[in-house]
Amino acid sequence: MSLSAAPATKRPPASPRLRVMLLGATGTIGQATLRALVRDGHEVVAFVRPRGGVGGRLEGDALRRVLPGAELRFGDARAPQALAREGFRGERFDALVSCLASRTGAPRDAWAVDHAAHVQALQAARQAGVTHVVLLSAICVQKPLLAFQQAKLAFERELIASGLRFSIVRPTAFFKSLSGQVDRVRQGRPFLVFGDGARTACKPIGDDDLGAFLAGCLREPACWDRVLPIGGPGPALTPQDQARMLSRLLGRPVPLRRVPVRLLDVIIGVLSAAGRVVPPLADKAELARIGRYYATESMLVWDAAAGRYDAEATPSTGTQTLQDHYARMLGGQATVELGDHAVF
């Protein structure tokens, strides 16, 4: 599948003003998507928890400051009928845009948020007259080996079968998920890679470029009734490439420390066994499985016929590069709250 989008910096063509319900607005992608929707002239209602953001630190005026231009309505999207009652409130809407995702990827959280909450949102949206749903998914659902991938894919299928217009966006790696080692490298410590650091690759995409792409799905017919893999500009990057990038920016060599993948296998085995006795450890085992997945699978379009990931078949959008993002972090112009999303 190939799809090229206009750079996020270009002014979008005029489009009808839509009334949009936005879920997941307090995350970094959600905030960027809100900015893009407001820039495109839409009326946005954001349904958020009373305490949002990483660790639930945002509330009241702090929430309003990070979500300018939206009408905020409060509730828990996971609670039965909450979105219909406190979100849509019996009013008419044109579109639902969801950047909502489970925080940990643990099975219970994944099925509650990535699937069940979205099923409820779809039902409420239909009752509100919504005709178009834009869903932020993930490119890793191409090979669904983990609970959160299976939950996302299950809802994707329900959305496709719903009869509503849909745009399912599957981005590659986010900048924030590749930022966890910047501080350690700045301190002179080695850059950690699994295996040789060249086994996997991705086309990292910035928040604003992804937000602009999600918002653009509402006005661009080429994005309607499609599953849309998308990455950022430039070639696919391996972990080795990321280390070289930091080396260039710092003006000194950045050593690599290789971590064997089998170490993750040992950790998964130990936590899985212990999880049968101590249930919280089962969730930690799932987090280790997620880490192993990202250590061994590329975030690119999967060519099932050829049995390989295909960087050339992975579309690109926008103008923000990972190198620019790293430069801003090293220069103190940008900070990243990693939360549960740090991936080497």
Protein backbone atom coordinates (compact mmCIF):
# COMPACT_ATOMS: atom_id res chain seq x y z
CA MET A 1 0.00 0.00 0.00
CA SER A 2 1.37 3.39 -0.87
CA LEU A 3 0.10 6.74 0.27
CA SER A 4 1.89 10.06 0.40
CA ALA A 5 0.55 12.92 2.48
CA ALA A 6 1.28 16.62 2.18
CA PRO A 7 3.82 17.96 4.68
CA ALA A 8 2.22 18.98 7.95
CA THR A 9 3.46 22.55 7.54
CA LYS A 10 1.31 23.19 4.46
CA ARG A 11 -2.05 24.85 4.95
CA PRO A 12 -4.76 22.27 4.28
CA PRO A 13 -7.33 22.94 1.58
CA ALA A 14 -10.64 24.37 2.69
CA SER A 15 -12.99 21.70 4.04
CA PRO A 16 -16.40 21.70 5.71
CA ARG A 17 -16.43 22.56 9.41
CA LEU A 18 -17.20 19.32 11.23
CA ARG A 19 -18.27 18.63 14.79
CA VAL A 20 -15.70 16.14 16.09
CA MET A 21 -15.59 14.03 19.24
CA LEU A 22 -11.95 13.40 20.21
CA LEU A 23 -10.84 10.58 22.52
CA GLY A 24 -7.37 10.24 23.99
CA ALA A 25 -6.74 13.97 23.77
CA THR A 26 -4.39 14.21 26.75
CA GLY A 27 -1.68 12.00 25.23
CA THR A 28 1.03 13.63 23.15
CA ILE A 29 -0.49 12.34 19.90
CA GLY A 30 -3.95 13.36 21.08
CA GLN A 31 -2.76 16.90 21.84
CA ALA A 32 -1.13 17.16 18.41
CA THR A 33 -4.29 15.85 16.75
CA LEU A 34 -6.39 18.42 18.60
CA ARG A 35 -4.10 21.21 17.38
CA ALA A 36 -4.49 19.97 13.81
CA LEU A 37 -8.28 19.64 14.05
CA VAL A 38 -8.60 23.17 15.44
CA ARG A 39 -6.22 24.47 12.77
CA ASP A 40 -8.44 22.85 10.14
CA GLY A 41 -11.42 24.78 11.52
CA HIS A 42 -13.36 21.95 13.15
CA GLU A 43 -15.44 22.22 16.32
CA VAL A 44 -13.86 19.77 18.75
CA VAL A 45 -15.26 18.24 21.91
CA ALA A 46 -12.62 16.30 23.87
CA PHE A 47 -13.87 13.60 26.24
CA VAL A 48 -11.19 13.21 28.91
CA ARG A 49 -10.74 11.89 32.41
CA PRO A 50 -10.90 14.50 35.20
CA ARG A 51 -7.22 13.72 35.82
CA GLY A 52 -5.29 13.05 32.62
CA GLY A 53 -1.79 12.79 31.20
CA VAL A 54 1.14 10.71 32.47
CA GLY A 55 0.43 9.72 36.06
CA GLY A 56 -2.88 11.63 36.04
CA ARG A 57 -1.07 14.90 36.84
CA LEU A 58 -3.27 17.11 34.64
CA GLU A 59 -6.57 18.42 35.94
CA GLY A 60 -8.73 21.54 35.79
CA ASP A 61 -6.93 24.56 34.36
CA ALA A 62 -3.86 22.47 33.53
CA LEU A 63 -5.98 20.30 31.24
CA ARG A 64 -7.46 23.36 29.56
CA ARG A 65 -3.98 24.81 28.95
CA VAL A 66 -2.76 21.71 27.10
CA LEU A 67 -6.06 21.32 25.18
CA PRO A 68 -6.76 24.83 23.85
CA GLY A 69 -9.58 25.22 21.38
CA ALA A 70 -11.59 22.22 22.56
CA GLU A 71 -14.68 21.97 24.70
CA LEU A 72 -13.77 19.57 27.50
CA ARG A 73 -16.25 17.02 28.79
CA PHE A 74 -15.25 14.68 31.60
CA GLY A 75 -15.74 11.00 32.23
CA ASP A 76 -14.19 7.56 31.87
CA ALA A 77 -14.47 6.09 28.36
CA ARG A 78 -14.25 2.60 29.88
CA ALA A 79 -17.42 3.04 31.98
CA PRO A 80 -20.64 1.74 30.39
CA GLN A 81 -22.66 4.52 28.72
CA ALA A 82 -20.25 7.21 30.02
CA LEU A 83 -19.33 8.52 26.58
CA ALA A 84 -22.96 8.59 25.43
CA ARG A 85 -24.14 10.24 28.63
CA GLU A 86 -21.35 12.70 29.52
CA GLY A 87 -19.67 12.97 26.13
CA PHE A 88 -22.15 13.04 23.26
CA ARG A 89 -25.07 14.08 25.56
CA GLY A 90 -27.66 13.30 22.90
CA GLU A 91 -26.16 15.89 20.54
CA ARG A 92 -25.23 15.43 16.88
CA PHE A 93 -21.65 14.92 15.75
CA ASP A 94 -20.08 14.37 12.34
CA ALA A 95 -16.95 12.44 13.25
CA LEU A 96 -15.22 10.47 15.99
CA VAL A 97 -11.41 10.63 16.16
CA SER A 98 -9.80 8.26 18.66
CA CYS A 99 -6.22 8.43 19.91
CA LEU A 100 -7.23 6.37 22.93
CA ALA A 101 -4.92 3.47 23.82
CA SER A 102 -4.13 1.27 26.80
CA ARG A 103 -1.22 2.59 28.84
CA THR A 104 0.56 -0.67 29.62
CA GLY A 105 -0.52 -3.16 26.97
CA ALA A 106 -1.19 -5.72 29.70
CA PRO A 107 -4.05 -8.07 28.68
CA ARG A 108 -6.75 -6.74 31.03
CA ASP A 109 -5.92 -3.11 30.23
CA ALA A 110 -5.68 -3.80 26.50
CA TRP A 111 -9.02 -5.53 26.18
CA ALA A 112 -10.71 -2.93 28.39
CA VAL A 113 -9.40 0.08 26.44
CA ASP A 114 -8.21 -0.96 22.98
CA HIS A 115 -11.29 -3.08 22.41
CA ALA A 116 -14.22 -2.73 24.85
CA ALA A 117 -14.02 1.06 25.30
CA HIS A 118 -13.83 1.49 21.54
CA VAL A 119 -16.81 -0.82 20.96
CA GLN A 120 -18.82 1.39 23.33
CA ALA A 121 -17.52 4.52 21.59
CA LEU A 122 -18.57 3.15 18.21
CA GLN A 123 -22.09 2.45 19.48
CA ALA A 124 -22.38 5.92 21.03
CA ALA A 125 -21.00 7.55 17.88
CA ARG A 126 -23.55 5.81 15.68
CA GLN A 127 -26.36 7.03 17.96
CA ALA A 128 -24.96 10.59 17.69
CA GLY A 129 -25.11 10.51 13.89
CA VAL A 130 -21.38 10.14 13.32
CA THR A 131 -20.57 9.09 9.77
CA HIS A 132 -16.74 8.93 9.88
CA VAL A 133 -14.43 7.31 12.46
CA VAL A 134 -10.68 7.96 12.43
CA LEU A 135 -8.83 5.43 14.56
CA LEU A 136 -5.22 5.60 15.72
CA SER A 137 -4.05 1.98 15.70
CA ALA A 138 -0.51 0.59 15.38
CA ILE A 139 1.52 -0.96 12.58
CA CYS A 140 2.49 -3.91 14.78
CA VAL A 141 -1.02 -5.39 14.50
CA GLN A 142 0.17 -6.85 11.19
CA LYS A 143 1.75 -9.67 13.25
CA PRO A 144 -0.51 -9.89 16.34
CA LEU A 145 1.41 -11.92 18.90
CA LEU A 146 0.53 -9.80 21.96
CA ALA A 147 -2.68 -9.07 23.83
CA PHE A 148 -2.83 -5.38 22.97
CA GLN A 149 -2.28 -6.13 19.28
CA GLN A 150 -5.07 -8.70 19.26
CA ALA A 151 -7.39 -6.26 21.06
CA LYS A 152 -6.65 -3.46 18.57
CA LEU A 153 -7.10 -5.78 15.61
CA ALA A 154 -10.40 -7.09 16.99
CA PHE A 155 -11.79 -3.56 17.12
CA GLU A 156 -10.39 -2.72 13.68
CA ARG A 157 -12.48 -5.59 12.31
CA GLU A 158 -15.60 -4.33 14.10
CA LEU A 159 -15.08 -0.82 12.77
CA ILE A 160 -14.62 -2.05 9.20
CA ALA A 161 -17.81 -4.12 9.50
CA SER A 162 -19.81 -1.24 11.04
CA GLY A 163 -20.85 0.34 7.75
CA LEU A 164 -19.50 3.74 8.83
CA ARG A 165 -16.77 5.48 6.88
CA PHE A 166 -13.44 4.65 8.53
CA SER A 167 -9.79 5.63 8.39
CA ILE A 168 -7.57 3.24 10.36
CA VAL A 169 -4.13 4.78 10.82
CA ARG A 170 -1.24 2.46 11.69
CA PRO A 171 1.85 4.55 12.47
CA THR A 172 5.38 3.28 12.92
CA ALA A 173 7.49 4.22 15.96
CA PHE A 174 6.80 7.52 17.73
CA PHE A 175 9.67 9.87 18.57
CA LYS A 176 8.91 9.50 22.29
CA SER A 177 9.34 5.72 22.15
CA LEU A 178 12.85 6.21 20.74
CA SER A 179 13.89 8.91 23.23
CA GLY A 180 14.53 6.82 26.32
CA GLN A 181 18.29 6.64 25.83
CA VAL A 182 19.07 10.27 25.03
CA ASP A 183 19.84 11.19 28.65
CA ARG A 184 22.02 8.15 29.29
CA VAL A 185 24.03 8.79 26.12
CA ARG A 186 24.42 12.47 27.04
CA GLN A 187 25.89 11.30 30.35
CA GLY A 188 28.52 9.26 28.49
CA ARG A 189 26.90 5.87 28.93
CA PRO A 190 26.61 3.41 26.01
CA PHE A 191 23.61 3.09 23.70
CA LEU A 192 21.87 -0.23 24.34
CA VAL A 193 20.88 -2.40 21.39
CA PHE A 194 19.42 -5.88 21.19
CA GLY A 195 21.55 -8.25 19.13
CA ASP A 196 23.69 -6.33 16.65
CA GLY A 197 21.39 -3.29 16.54
CA ALA A 198 20.63 -3.78 12.86
CA ARG A 199 17.93 -6.43 13.02
CA THR A 200 14.99 -4.03 13.17
CA ALA A 201 14.09 -0.71 11.56
CA CYS A 202 11.32 1.87 11.59
CA LYS A 203 10.35 5.20 10.03
CA PRO A 204 9.88 7.36 13.14
CA ILE A 205 7.05 9.88 13.01
CA GLY A 206 6.67 13.07 15.02
CA ASP A 207 3.61 14.02 17.04
CA ASP A 208 2.60 17.00 14.90
CA ASP A 209 3.08 15.17 11.61
CA LEU A 210 0.97 12.26 12.85
CA GLY A 211 -1.66 14.60 14.29
CA ALA A 212 -1.90 16.42 10.97
CA PHE A 213 -2.26 13.10 9.13
CA LEU A 214 -5.05 11.93 11.46
CA ALA A 215 -6.93 15.21 11.11
CA GLY A 216 -6.40 15.18 7.35
CA CYS A 217 -8.20 11.85 7.05
CA LEU A 218 -11.47 13.73 7.58
CA ARG A 219 -11.06 15.78 4.40
CA GLU A 220 -8.99 13.50 2.14
CA PRO A 221 -11.05 10.91 0.18
CA ALA A 222 -7.89 8.86 -0.46
CA CYS A 223 -7.91 8.08 3.27
CA TRP A 224 -11.52 6.92 3.46
CA ASP A 225 -12.38 3.28 4.06
CA ARG A 226 -8.72 2.36 4.18
CA VAL A 227 -6.14 0.92 6.52
CA LEU A 228 -3.26 3.37 6.38
CA PRO A 229 0.27 2.49 7.47
CA ILE A 230 2.31 5.66 7.87
CA GLY A 231 5.81 6.73 8.88
CA GLY A 232 7.81 9.91 9.04
CA PRO A 233 10.10 11.40 6.37
CA GLY A 234 13.39 9.87 5.31
CA PRO A 235 14.76 6.33 5.19
CA ALA A 236 14.07 3.58 7.70
CA LEU A 237 16.36 3.72 10.74
CA THR A 238 17.88 0.90 12.78
CA PRO A 239 18.99 1.25 16.42
CA GLN A 240 22.55 1.49 15.09
CA ASP A 241 21.45 4.43 12.95
CA GLN A 242 19.95 6.10 16.02
CA ALA A 243 23.26 5.74 17.89
CA ARG A 244 25.17 7.22 14.94
CA MET A 245 22.72 10.11 14.87
CA LEU A 246 23.38 10.87 18.53
CA SER A 247 27.11 10.56 17.92
CA ARG A 248 26.97 13.20 15.18
CA LEU A 249 24.92 15.54 17.33
CA LEU A 250 27.21 15.16 20.35
CA GLY A 251 30.41 15.36 18.30
CA ARG A 252 31.88 12.24 19.90
CA PRO A 253 31.65 8.48 19.50
CA VAL A 254 28.70 6.81 21.19
CA PRO A 255 29.61 3.24 22.16
CA LEU A 256 27.12 0.41 21.72
CA ARG A 257 26.35 -2.18 24.35
CA ARG A 258 24.78 -5.30 22.91
CA VAL A 259 22.06 -7.01 24.93
CA PRO A 260 21.29 -10.61 23.90
CA VAL A 261 17.65 -11.26 23.03
CA ARG A 262 17.85 -14.54 24.94
CA LEU A 263 18.11 -12.47 28.13
CA LEU A 264 14.55 -11.30 27.49
CA ASP A 265 13.49 -14.91 26.96
CA VAL A 266 14.88 -15.82 30.38
CA ILE A 267 13.10 -12.87 32.02
CA ILE A 268 9.82 -13.78 30.31
CA GLY A 269 10.12 -17.39 31.45
CA VAL A 270 10.83 -16.47 35.06
CA LEU A 271 8.06 -13.87 35.29
CA SER A 272 5.54 -16.13 33.56
CA ALA A 273 6.20 -18.93 36.02
CA ALA A 274 6.09 -16.58 39.00
CA GLY A 275 2.90 -14.99 37.64
CA ARG A 276 1.00 -18.21 38.26
CA VAL A 277 1.57 -17.64 41.98
CA VAL A 278 1.79 -13.83 42.12
CA PRO A 279 -0.69 -12.47 39.53
CA PRO A 280 0.89 -8.97 39.19
CA LEU A 281 4.04 -10.62 37.85
CA ALA A 282 2.01 -11.99 34.92
CA ASP A 283 1.54 -8.39 33.72
CA LYS A 284 5.27 -7.80 34.04
CA ALA A 285 5.83 -10.89 31.90
CA GLU A 286 3.57 -9.36 29.25
CA LEU A 287 5.60 -6.12 29.36
CA ALA A 288 8.73 -8.20 28.81
CA ARG A 289 7.05 -9.89 25.83
CA ILE A 290 6.25 -6.45 24.43
CA GLY A 291 9.90 -5.48 24.84
CA ARG A 292 11.00 -8.63 23.06
CA TYR A 293 8.59 -7.97 20.21
CA TYR A 294 10.01 -4.51 19.59
CA ALA A 295 13.54 -5.90 19.91
CA THR A 296 12.96 -8.40 17.13
CA GLU A 297 10.29 -6.98 14.80
CA SER A 298 10.54 -3.96 12.53
CA MET A 299 7.86 -1.27 12.57
CA LEU A 300 7.41 -1.27 8.79
CA VAL A 301 4.87 -2.68 6.34
CA TRP A 302 4.97 -6.48 6.42
CA ASP A 303 5.08 -8.19 3.03
CA ALA A 304 3.47 -11.55 3.84
CA ALA A 305 4.15 -13.00 0.38
CA ALA A 306 7.87 -12.24 0.60
CA GLY A 307 8.07 -12.92 4.33
CA ARG A 308 9.86 -9.65 5.11
CA TYR A 309 9.38 -6.06 6.20
CA ASP A 310 9.40 -3.57 3.35
CA ALA A 311 10.68 -0.05 4.02
CA GLU A 312 9.89 1.09 0.47
CA ALA A 313 6.25 0.06 0.88
CA THR A 314 5.94 2.02 4.12
CA PRO A 315 4.51 5.47 3.26
CA SER A 316 5.98 8.66 4.68
CA THR A 317 4.47 11.98 5.69
CA GLY A 318 5.52 15.26 7.22
CA THR A 319 8.77 17.16 7.74
CA GLN A 320 9.87 16.36 11.30
CA THR A 321 12.90 14.06 11.57
CA LEU A 322 14.17 12.05 14.51
CA GLN A 323 17.51 13.82 14.24
CA ASP A 324 15.81 17.20 14.66
CA HIS A 325 13.95 15.82 17.67
CA TYR A 326 17.18 14.49 19.24
CA ALA A 327 18.88 17.84 18.61
CA ARG A 328 16.07 19.67 20.41
CA MET A 329 16.28 17.24 23.35
CA LEU A 330 20.05 17.62 23.62
CA GLY A 331 19.72 21.39 23.37
CA GLY A 332 17.10 21.52 26.11
CA GLN A 333 14.34 22.79 23.81
CA ALA A 334 12.29 19.61 24.17
CA THR A 335 11.50 17.16 26.94
CA VAL A 336 9.69 13.86 26.70
CA GLU A 337 7.49 12.22 29.32
CA LEU A 338 8.03 8.59 28.44
CA GLY A 339 5.42 7.05 30.71
CA ASP A 340 4.89 3.43 29.66
CA HIS A 341 6.18 3.97 26.12
CA ALA A 342 9.97 3.80 26.34
CA VAL A 343 11.37 1.38 23.78
CA PHE A 344 15.03 1.06 22.79
